[in-house]
Amino acid sequence: MSDSYKTTGTAGAYGRPMTPRLDAISIITADLPASLAFYRRLGLAIPAGAESAPHVEVVLPGGQRVLWDTEDVIRSFDPDWERPTGGERLGLAFLCDGPEEVDALYAELTGAGHTGHLKPWDAVWGQRYAVVLDPDGCGVSLFAPASPAAAPATSAAPAAPAGSPGEK
């Protein structure tokens, strides 16, 4: 078989291995200004005036991007697109500096009118954990090590197990 048809580990059609990389997370939103305001509260550096654009991009410190598109933008190239129903479409997790920041950020976001899904609680896996819904109903986890000794080796938050003791 020609090298141009192999998909891993060898040179592809353009003389380099084909290795996909996660580059961006795309948020499709019904209310762009509300979504941008929510994610600004979580510390994303979204440019002023972005609310008037139908597409917004922010580059994160690691080089990945967060993209926002209005539903109309998506329908402009995918006319059959329909808003998903029946649950969350994506979940994002924000590492906080400590348990107090989880509590404070949860209070700030819910105080600004966003829906709290799980109030802050001490999870059995050693984190202070809470979930707030963004303006499109997607769960956004807020977490931090419950104590310095519980700090994980990575910054990834595990998914909350079914039946977790967090209060809604």
N, C-alpha and C. Protein backbone atom coordinates (compact mmCIF):
# COMPACT_ATOMS: atom_id res chain seq x y z
N MET A 1 0.85 -1.17 0.00
CA MET A 1 0.00 0.00 0.00
C MET A 1 0.89 1.23 0.00
N SER A 2 0.50 2.23 -0.71
CA SER A 2 1.24 3.49 -0.78
C SER A 2 1.26 4.17 0.58
N ASP A 3 2.38 4.85 0.88
CA ASP A 3 2.47 5.60 2.13
C ASP A 3 1.37 6.64 2.26
N SER A 4 0.88 7.16 1.15
CA SER A 4 -0.12 8.23 1.22
C SER A 4 -1.46 7.75 1.77
N TYR A 5 -1.66 6.43 1.90
CA TYR A 5 -2.93 5.93 2.41
C TYR A 5 -2.83 5.41 3.84
N LYS A 6 -1.66 5.43 4.40
CA LYS A 6 -1.49 4.99 5.78
C LYS A 6 -1.80 6.15 6.70
N THR A 7 -2.48 5.87 7.81
CA THR A 7 -2.96 6.95 8.66
C THR A 7 -2.18 7.14 9.94
N THR A 8 -1.28 6.24 10.29
CA THR A 8 -0.54 6.44 11.54
C THR A 8 0.92 6.07 11.37
N GLY A 9 1.76 6.83 12.01
CA GLY A 9 3.15 6.48 12.17
C GLY A 9 4.06 6.59 10.96
N THR A 10 3.51 6.74 9.78
CA THR A 10 4.35 6.87 8.60
C THR A 10 3.97 8.12 7.85
N ALA A 11 4.79 8.48 6.89
CA ALA A 11 4.53 9.70 6.13
C ALA A 11 3.21 9.58 5.38
N GLY A 12 2.44 10.65 5.41
CA GLY A 12 1.17 10.69 4.71
C GLY A 12 1.33 11.36 3.37
N ALA A 13 0.21 11.72 2.78
CA ALA A 13 0.19 12.32 1.45
C ALA A 13 0.99 13.61 1.40
N TYR A 14 1.16 14.27 2.51
CA TYR A 14 1.88 15.55 2.53
C TYR A 14 3.27 15.40 3.14
N GLY A 15 3.78 14.15 3.21
CA GLY A 15 5.13 13.92 3.67
C GLY A 15 5.30 13.94 5.18
N ARG A 16 4.22 13.90 5.94
CA ARG A 16 4.33 13.88 7.40
C ARG A 16 3.29 12.90 7.96
N PRO A 17 3.54 12.36 9.15
CA PRO A 17 2.55 11.46 9.74
C PRO A 17 1.24 12.20 9.99
N MET A 18 0.16 11.47 9.88
CA MET A 18 -1.15 12.07 10.17
C MET A 18 -1.44 11.84 11.64
N THR A 19 -1.33 12.87 12.44
CA THR A 19 -1.57 12.79 13.87
C THR A 19 -2.53 13.90 14.25
N PRO A 20 -3.81 13.61 14.40
CA PRO A 20 -4.74 14.66 14.80
C PRO A 20 -4.41 15.16 16.20
N ARG A 21 -4.63 16.44 16.41
CA ARG A 21 -4.39 17.07 17.71
C ARG A 21 -5.64 17.86 18.10
N LEU A 22 -6.02 17.77 19.34
CA LEU A 22 -7.13 18.59 19.81
C LEU A 22 -6.69 20.05 19.75
N ASP A 23 -7.38 20.84 18.98
CA ASP A 23 -7.01 22.23 18.77
C ASP A 23 -8.02 23.19 19.39
N ALA A 24 -9.29 22.80 19.39
CA ALA A 24 -10.31 23.75 19.83
C ALA A 24 -11.52 23.03 20.41
N ILE A 25 -12.18 23.72 21.30
CA ILE A 25 -13.48 23.31 21.83
C ILE A 25 -14.46 24.34 21.33
N SER A 26 -15.51 23.87 20.69
CA SER A 26 -16.49 24.78 20.09
C SER A 26 -17.77 24.77 20.91
N ILE A 27 -18.24 25.95 21.24
CA ILE A 27 -19.50 26.10 21.97
C ILE A 27 -20.50 26.75 21.03
N ILE A 28 -21.58 26.05 20.75
CA ILE A 28 -22.65 26.59 19.91
C ILE A 28 -23.68 27.16 20.87
N THR A 29 -23.98 28.44 20.71
CA THR A 29 -24.80 29.12 21.69
C THR A 29 -26.01 29.81 21.09
N ALA A 30 -27.10 29.78 21.85
CA ALA A 30 -28.31 30.50 21.46
C ALA A 30 -28.23 31.96 21.85
N ASP A 31 -27.37 32.30 22.81
CA ASP A 31 -27.25 33.67 23.32
C ASP A 31 -25.77 33.99 23.51
N LEU A 32 -25.14 34.49 22.46
CA LEU A 32 -23.70 34.75 22.50
C LEU A 32 -23.30 35.72 23.60
N PRO A 33 -23.95 36.87 23.76
CA PRO A 33 -23.53 37.78 24.84
C PRO A 33 -23.60 37.13 26.23
N ALA A 34 -24.65 36.36 26.50
CA ALA A 34 -24.77 35.70 27.80
C ALA A 34 -23.68 34.65 27.99
N SER A 35 -23.39 33.89 26.94
CA SER A 35 -22.35 32.87 27.04
C SER A 35 -20.98 33.50 27.27
N LEU A 36 -20.66 34.56 26.53
CA LEU A 36 -19.37 35.23 26.71
C LEU A 36 -19.25 35.82 28.11
N ALA A 37 -20.32 36.42 28.63
CA ALA A 37 -20.28 36.99 29.98
C ALA A 37 -20.02 35.89 31.02
N PHE A 38 -20.66 34.74 30.85
CA PHE A 38 -20.47 33.62 31.77
C PHE A 38 -19.00 33.18 31.78
N TYR A 39 -18.43 32.96 30.61
CA TYR A 39 -17.06 32.46 30.54
C TYR A 39 -16.03 33.53 30.90
N ARG A 40 -16.37 34.79 30.76
CA ARG A 40 -15.48 35.85 31.28
C ARG A 40 -15.38 35.74 32.80
N ARG A 41 -16.49 35.44 33.45
CA ARG A 41 -16.48 35.28 34.92
C ARG A 41 -15.58 34.13 35.34
N LEU A 42 -15.34 33.19 34.43
CA LEU A 42 -14.46 32.07 34.72
C LEU A 42 -13.01 32.36 34.32
N GLY A 43 -12.74 33.59 33.91
CA GLY A 43 -11.37 34.01 33.66
C GLY A 43 -10.88 33.95 32.23
N LEU A 44 -11.75 33.58 31.28
CA LEU A 44 -11.30 33.57 29.89
C LEU A 44 -11.19 35.00 29.38
N ALA A 45 -10.10 35.29 28.70
CA ALA A 45 -9.81 36.64 28.20
C ALA A 45 -10.52 36.87 26.87
N ILE A 46 -11.80 37.13 26.95
CA ILE A 46 -12.61 37.36 25.75
C ILE A 46 -12.58 38.84 25.45
N PRO A 47 -12.22 39.22 24.23
CA PRO A 47 -12.08 40.64 23.90
C PRO A 47 -13.38 41.42 24.08
N ALA A 48 -13.24 42.66 24.52
CA ALA A 48 -14.39 43.56 24.63
C ALA A 48 -14.99 43.73 23.24
N GLY A 49 -16.30 43.80 23.18
CA GLY A 49 -17.00 44.00 21.91
C GLY A 49 -17.24 42.72 21.13
N ALA A 50 -16.76 41.59 21.63
CA ALA A 50 -16.92 40.32 20.91
C ALA A 50 -18.39 39.93 20.77
N GLU A 51 -19.23 40.48 21.63
CA GLU A 51 -20.65 40.11 21.62
C GLU A 51 -21.33 40.42 20.29
N SER A 52 -20.78 41.35 19.53
CA SER A 52 -21.41 41.74 18.27
C SER A 52 -20.98 40.85 17.10
N ALA A 53 -20.05 39.94 17.32
CA ALA A 53 -19.58 39.05 16.25
C ALA A 53 -20.36 37.74 16.30
N PRO A 54 -20.57 37.09 15.17
CA PRO A 54 -21.26 35.79 15.19
C PRO A 54 -20.34 34.63 15.55
N HIS A 55 -19.01 34.86 15.50
CA HIS A 55 -18.01 33.83 15.82
C HIS A 55 -16.92 34.49 16.66
N VAL A 56 -16.54 33.84 17.75
CA VAL A 56 -15.51 34.37 18.65
C VAL A 56 -14.52 33.26 18.95
N GLU A 57 -13.24 33.61 19.00
CA GLU A 57 -12.18 32.66 19.36
C GLU A 57 -11.30 33.25 20.44
N VAL A 58 -10.89 32.40 21.38
CA VAL A 58 -9.94 32.77 22.43
C VAL A 58 -8.87 31.70 22.47
N VAL A 59 -7.61 32.11 22.46
CA VAL A 59 -6.50 31.17 22.55
C VAL A 59 -6.13 31.03 24.03
N LEU A 60 -6.10 29.80 24.51
CA LEU A 60 -5.75 29.52 25.90
C LEU A 60 -4.23 29.47 26.05
N PRO A 61 -3.72 29.57 27.28
CA PRO A 61 -2.27 29.56 27.48
C PRO A 61 -1.54 28.37 26.85
N GLY A 62 -2.16 27.22 26.78
CA GLY A 62 -1.52 26.04 26.19
C GLY A 62 -1.62 25.98 24.67
N GLY A 63 -2.28 26.97 24.07
CA GLY A 63 -2.40 27.02 22.62
C GLY A 63 -3.73 26.53 22.08
N GLN A 64 -4.48 25.77 22.87
CA GLN A 64 -5.80 25.36 22.41
C GLN A 64 -6.72 26.57 22.36
N ARG A 65 -7.79 26.43 21.61
CA ARG A 65 -8.72 27.54 21.45
C ARG A 65 -10.11 27.14 21.96
N VAL A 66 -10.84 28.14 22.42
CA VAL A 66 -12.26 28.00 22.70
C VAL A 66 -12.96 28.85 21.66
N LEU A 67 -13.93 28.25 20.97
CA LEU A 67 -14.67 28.93 19.91
C LEU A 67 -16.13 29.03 20.31
N TRP A 68 -16.73 30.15 19.99
CA TRP A 68 -18.17 30.32 20.15
C TRP A 68 -18.76 30.63 18.79
N ASP A 69 -19.86 29.95 18.47
CA ASP A 69 -20.61 30.24 17.26
C ASP A 69 -22.08 30.35 17.62
N THR A 70 -22.75 31.29 16.99
CA THR A 70 -24.20 31.37 17.17
C THR A 70 -24.83 30.21 16.41
N GLU A 71 -26.04 29.87 16.79
CA GLU A 71 -26.76 28.81 16.08
C GLU A 71 -26.94 29.18 14.61
N ASP A 72 -27.13 30.47 14.32
CA ASP A 72 -27.29 30.90 12.93
C ASP A 72 -26.03 30.64 12.11
N VAL A 73 -24.85 30.81 12.71
CA VAL A 73 -23.60 30.53 12.00
C VAL A 73 -23.56 29.05 11.62
N ILE A 74 -23.89 28.18 12.56
CA ILE A 74 -23.85 26.75 12.28
C ILE A 74 -24.84 26.41 11.17
N ARG A 75 -26.03 26.98 11.24
CA ARG A 75 -27.04 26.71 10.20
C ARG A 75 -26.63 27.27 8.84
N SER A 76 -25.73 28.26 8.81
CA SER A 76 -25.30 28.83 7.53
C SER A 76 -24.53 27.82 6.68
N PHE A 77 -23.85 26.86 7.31
CA PHE A 77 -23.14 25.84 6.54
C PHE A 77 -23.70 24.45 6.75
N ASP A 78 -24.62 24.30 7.71
CA ASP A 78 -25.27 23.02 7.97
C ASP A 78 -26.75 23.29 8.18
N PRO A 79 -27.50 23.49 7.09
CA PRO A 79 -28.90 23.90 7.21
C PRO A 79 -29.79 22.89 7.94
N ASP A 80 -29.35 21.65 8.05
CA ASP A 80 -30.14 20.63 8.75
C ASP A 80 -29.83 20.57 10.24
N TRP A 81 -28.87 21.40 10.71
CA TRP A 81 -28.49 21.35 12.12
C TRP A 81 -29.67 21.73 12.99
N GLU A 82 -29.85 20.98 14.07
CA GLU A 82 -30.87 21.28 15.08
C GLU A 82 -30.21 21.26 16.44
N ARG A 83 -30.71 22.12 17.31
CA ARG A 83 -30.19 22.15 18.68
C ARG A 83 -30.41 20.79 19.33
N PRO A 84 -29.37 20.20 19.91
CA PRO A 84 -29.53 18.91 20.58
C PRO A 84 -30.49 19.01 21.76
N THR A 85 -31.15 17.92 22.04
CA THR A 85 -32.05 17.86 23.18
C THR A 85 -31.67 16.66 24.04
N GLY A 86 -32.19 16.64 25.26
CA GLY A 86 -32.03 15.47 26.09
C GLY A 86 -30.77 15.41 26.92
N GLY A 87 -30.22 16.54 27.29
CA GLY A 87 -29.08 16.50 28.19
C GLY A 87 -27.94 17.38 27.74
N GLU A 88 -26.87 17.30 28.49
CA GLU A 88 -25.70 18.14 28.22
C GLU A 88 -25.06 17.77 26.90
N ARG A 89 -24.51 18.77 26.25
CA ARG A 89 -23.83 18.55 24.98
C ARG A 89 -22.32 18.55 25.15
N LEU A 90 -21.84 19.11 26.21
CA LEU A 90 -20.42 19.09 26.52
C LEU A 90 -20.27 19.45 27.98
N GLY A 91 -19.12 19.16 28.52
CA GLY A 91 -18.84 19.54 29.89
C GLY A 91 -17.43 20.08 29.97
N LEU A 92 -17.28 21.20 30.63
CA LEU A 92 -15.96 21.80 30.83
C LEU A 92 -15.67 21.78 32.33
N ALA A 93 -14.40 21.72 32.68
CA ALA A 93 -14.00 21.71 34.08
C ALA A 93 -12.92 22.76 34.30
N PHE A 94 -13.12 23.60 35.31
CA PHE A 94 -12.18 24.67 35.64
C PHE A 94 -11.53 24.37 36.98
N LEU A 95 -10.20 24.26 36.96
CA LEU A 95 -9.42 24.06 38.17
C LEU A 95 -9.33 25.38 38.92
N CYS A 96 -9.72 25.37 40.17
CA CYS A 96 -9.65 26.57 41.02
C CYS A 96 -8.44 26.46 41.94
N ASP A 97 -8.04 27.59 42.53
CA ASP A 97 -6.85 27.62 43.37
C ASP A 97 -7.02 26.89 44.70
N GLY A 98 -8.24 26.73 45.15
CA GLY A 98 -8.48 26.04 46.41
C GLY A 98 -9.97 25.89 46.65
N PRO A 99 -10.33 25.17 47.72
CA PRO A 99 -11.74 24.95 48.02
C PRO A 99 -12.54 26.25 48.18
N GLU A 100 -11.89 27.26 48.77
CA GLU A 100 -12.59 28.54 48.98
C GLU A 100 -12.96 29.18 47.65
N GLU A 101 -12.08 29.04 46.64
CA GLU A 101 -12.38 29.62 45.34
C GLU A 101 -13.53 28.88 44.66
N VAL A 102 -13.63 27.57 44.85
CA VAL A 102 -14.77 26.82 44.31
C VAL A 102 -16.06 27.41 44.89
N ASP A 103 -16.09 27.57 46.21
CA ASP A 103 -17.29 28.10 46.86
C ASP A 103 -17.60 29.52 46.41
N ALA A 104 -16.57 30.36 46.34
CA ALA A 104 -16.77 31.77 45.96
C ALA A 104 -17.23 31.90 44.51
N LEU A 105 -16.63 31.13 43.63
CA LEU A 105 -17.00 31.20 42.21
C LEU A 105 -18.41 30.67 41.99
N TYR A 106 -18.76 29.60 42.69
CA TYR A 106 -20.12 29.07 42.61
C TYR A 106 -21.11 30.14 43.07
N ALA A 107 -20.81 30.79 44.19
CA ALA A 107 -21.69 31.85 44.71
C ALA A 107 -21.78 33.02 43.74
N GLU A 108 -20.65 33.40 43.14
CA GLU A 108 -20.65 34.51 42.18
C GLU A 108 -21.51 34.18 40.96
N LEU A 109 -21.32 32.99 40.41
CA LEU A 109 -22.06 32.61 39.20
C LEU A 109 -23.55 32.45 39.46
N THR A 110 -23.90 31.77 40.55
CA THR A 110 -25.33 31.61 40.85
C THR A 110 -25.93 32.94 41.27
N GLY A 111 -25.15 33.79 41.94
CA GLY A 111 -25.63 35.12 42.30
C GLY A 111 -25.88 36.00 41.09
N ALA A 112 -25.18 35.70 39.99
CA ALA A 112 -25.38 36.44 38.73
C ALA A 112 -26.53 35.86 37.91
N GLY A 113 -27.23 34.86 38.47
CA GLY A 113 -28.40 34.31 37.81
C GLY A 113 -28.20 33.00 37.07
N HIS A 114 -26.99 32.45 37.11
CA HIS A 114 -26.75 31.17 36.44
C HIS A 114 -27.23 30.03 37.34
N THR A 115 -27.68 28.96 36.73
CA THR A 115 -28.27 27.84 37.47
C THR A 115 -27.19 26.97 38.10
N GLY A 116 -27.30 26.79 39.40
CA GLY A 116 -26.42 25.85 40.09
C GLY A 116 -26.96 24.44 39.91
N HIS A 117 -26.11 23.51 39.52
CA HIS A 117 -26.54 22.13 39.33
C HIS A 117 -26.14 21.27 40.53
N LEU A 118 -24.90 21.39 40.98
CA LEU A 118 -24.44 20.73 42.21
C LEU A 118 -23.76 21.78 43.08
N LYS A 119 -24.30 21.98 44.27
CA LYS A 119 -23.66 22.92 45.20
C LYS A 119 -22.29 22.38 45.58
N PRO A 120 -21.37 23.26 45.99
CA PRO A 120 -20.04 22.79 46.38
C PRO A 120 -20.13 21.73 47.48
N TRP A 121 -19.33 20.69 47.30
CA TRP A 121 -19.27 19.59 48.26
C TRP A 121 -17.89 18.96 48.22
N ASP A 122 -17.56 18.24 49.27
CA ASP A 122 -16.28 17.55 49.34
C ASP A 122 -16.46 16.16 48.76
N ALA A 123 -15.94 15.96 47.56
CA ALA A 123 -16.11 14.70 46.84
C ALA A 123 -15.22 13.61 47.43
N VAL A 124 -15.68 12.38 47.28
CA VAL A 124 -14.94 11.25 47.83
C VAL A 124 -13.58 11.07 47.16
N TRP A 125 -13.36 11.65 46.00
CA TRP A 125 -12.08 11.52 45.30
C TRP A 125 -11.09 12.62 45.69
N GLY A 126 -11.41 13.40 46.76
CA GLY A 126 -10.45 14.35 47.31
C GLY A 126 -10.49 15.74 46.72
N GLN A 127 -11.62 16.11 46.15
CA GLN A 127 -11.75 17.46 45.59
C GLN A 127 -12.96 18.17 46.16
N ARG A 128 -12.86 19.48 46.24
CA ARG A 128 -14.03 20.34 46.44
C ARG A 128 -14.60 20.49 45.04
N TYR A 129 -15.89 20.24 44.86
CA TYR A 129 -16.46 20.09 43.53
C TYR A 129 -17.83 20.74 43.48
N ALA A 130 -18.12 21.42 42.37
CA ALA A 130 -19.43 22.03 42.16
C ALA A 130 -19.68 22.07 40.65
N VAL A 131 -20.95 22.20 40.28
CA VAL A 131 -21.31 22.31 38.86
C VAL A 131 -22.33 23.43 38.70
N VAL A 132 -22.06 24.31 37.75
CA VAL A 132 -22.97 25.40 37.37
C VAL A 132 -23.29 25.20 35.89
N LEU A 133 -24.51 25.52 35.49
CA LEU A 133 -24.88 25.41 34.08
C LEU A 133 -24.59 26.72 33.37
N ASP A 134 -24.00 26.63 32.18
CA ASP A 134 -23.77 27.84 31.39
C ASP A 134 -25.10 28.28 30.77
N PRO A 135 -25.15 29.41 30.08
CA PRO A 135 -26.43 29.89 29.55
C PRO A 135 -27.11 28.95 28.57
N ASP A 136 -26.38 27.99 28.00
CA ASP A 136 -26.99 27.02 27.09
C ASP A 136 -27.28 25.69 27.77
N GLY A 137 -27.13 25.63 29.10
CA GLY A 137 -27.46 24.43 29.85
C GLY A 137 -26.36 23.39 29.94
N CYS A 138 -25.14 23.74 29.54
CA CYS A 138 -24.02 22.80 29.63
C CYS A 138 -23.38 22.88 31.01
N GLY A 139 -23.07 21.72 31.57
CA GLY A 139 -22.46 21.68 32.89
C GLY A 139 -21.02 22.16 32.87
N VAL A 140 -20.70 23.04 33.81
CA VAL A 140 -19.33 23.55 33.97
C VAL A 140 -18.91 23.20 35.39
N SER A 141 -17.93 22.30 35.50
CA SER A 141 -17.44 21.87 36.81
C SER A 141 -16.42 22.86 37.33
N LEU A 142 -16.50 23.11 38.62
CA LEU A 142 -15.52 23.92 39.35
C LEU A 142 -14.91 22.97 40.36
N PHE A 143 -13.59 22.85 40.39
CA PHE A 143 -12.99 21.90 41.32
C PHE A 143 -11.64 22.38 41.80
N ALA A 144 -11.23 21.85 42.94
CA ALA A 144 -9.91 22.11 43.51
C ALA A 144 -9.60 20.96 44.45
N PRO A 145 -8.32 20.70 44.68
CA PRO A 145 -7.99 19.71 45.71
C PRO A 145 -8.63 20.13 47.03
N ALA A 146 -9.21 19.18 47.73
CA ALA A 146 -9.86 19.49 49.00
C ALA A 146 -8.85 19.95 50.04
N SER A 147 -7.61 19.48 49.90
CA SER A 147 -6.51 19.90 50.78
C SER A 147 -5.23 19.76 49.98
N PRO A 148 -4.15 20.42 50.39
CA PRO A 148 -2.88 20.28 49.64
C PRO A 148 -2.45 18.83 49.49
N ALA A 149 -2.71 18.00 50.48
CA ALA A 149 -2.32 16.59 50.41
C ALA A 149 -3.13 15.84 49.37
N ALA A 150 -4.32 16.35 49.03
CA ALA A 150 -5.19 15.67 48.07
C ALA A 150 -4.96 16.14 46.64
N ALA A 151 -3.98 17.02 46.43
CA ALA A 151 -3.75 17.56 45.09
C ALA A 151 -3.41 16.43 44.12
N PRO A 152 -4.13 16.39 42.99
CA PRO A 152 -3.87 15.33 42.01
C PRO A 152 -2.58 15.60 41.24
N ALA A 153 -2.04 14.56 40.62
CA ALA A 153 -0.83 14.71 39.82
C ALA A 153 -1.11 15.46 38.53
N THR A 154 -2.36 15.43 38.06
CA THR A 154 -2.75 16.16 36.86
C THR A 154 -3.89 17.08 37.20
N SER A 155 -4.21 17.97 36.29
CA SER A 155 -5.28 18.93 36.55
C SER A 155 -6.62 18.46 36.01
N ALA A 156 -6.72 17.21 35.60
CA ALA A 156 -7.99 16.71 35.06
C ALA A 156 -8.93 16.36 36.19
N ALA A 157 -10.18 16.74 36.04
CA ALA A 157 -11.20 16.42 37.03
C ALA A 157 -11.90 15.14 36.62
N PRO A 158 -12.03 14.18 37.52
CA PRO A 158 -12.78 12.98 37.18
C PRO A 158 -14.27 13.31 37.10
N ALA A 159 -14.97 12.52 36.34
CA ALA A 159 -16.41 12.71 36.27
C ALA A 159 -17.02 12.30 37.60
N ALA A 160 -18.04 13.03 38.02
CA ALA A 160 -18.72 12.69 39.26
C ALA A 160 -19.41 11.35 39.08
N PRO A 161 -19.24 10.43 40.03
CA PRO A 161 -19.89 9.13 39.90
C PRO A 161 -21.40 9.27 40.06
N ALA A 162 -22.13 8.34 39.45
CA ALA A 162 -23.58 8.34 39.58
C ALA A 162 -23.93 8.24 41.06
N GLY A 163 -24.92 9.01 41.47
CA GLY A 163 -25.34 8.99 42.86
C GLY A 163 -24.39 9.71 43.79
N SER A 164 -23.61 10.65 43.28
CA SER A 164 -22.68 11.37 44.13
C SER A 164 -23.45 12.16 45.17
N PRO A 165 -22.84 12.41 46.32
CA PRO A 165 -23.56 13.04 47.42
C PRO A 165 -23.75 14.54 47.26
N GLY A 166 -23.34 15.13 46.16
CA GLY A 166 -23.51 16.57 45.97
C GLY A 166 -24.97 16.96 45.98
N GLU A 167 -25.27 18.09 46.59
CA GLU A 167 -26.65 18.56 46.64
C GLU A 167 -26.96 19.35 45.40
N LYS A 168 -28.18 19.25 44.94
CA LYS A 168 -28.60 20.06 43.80
C LYS A 168 -29.18 21.35 44.30
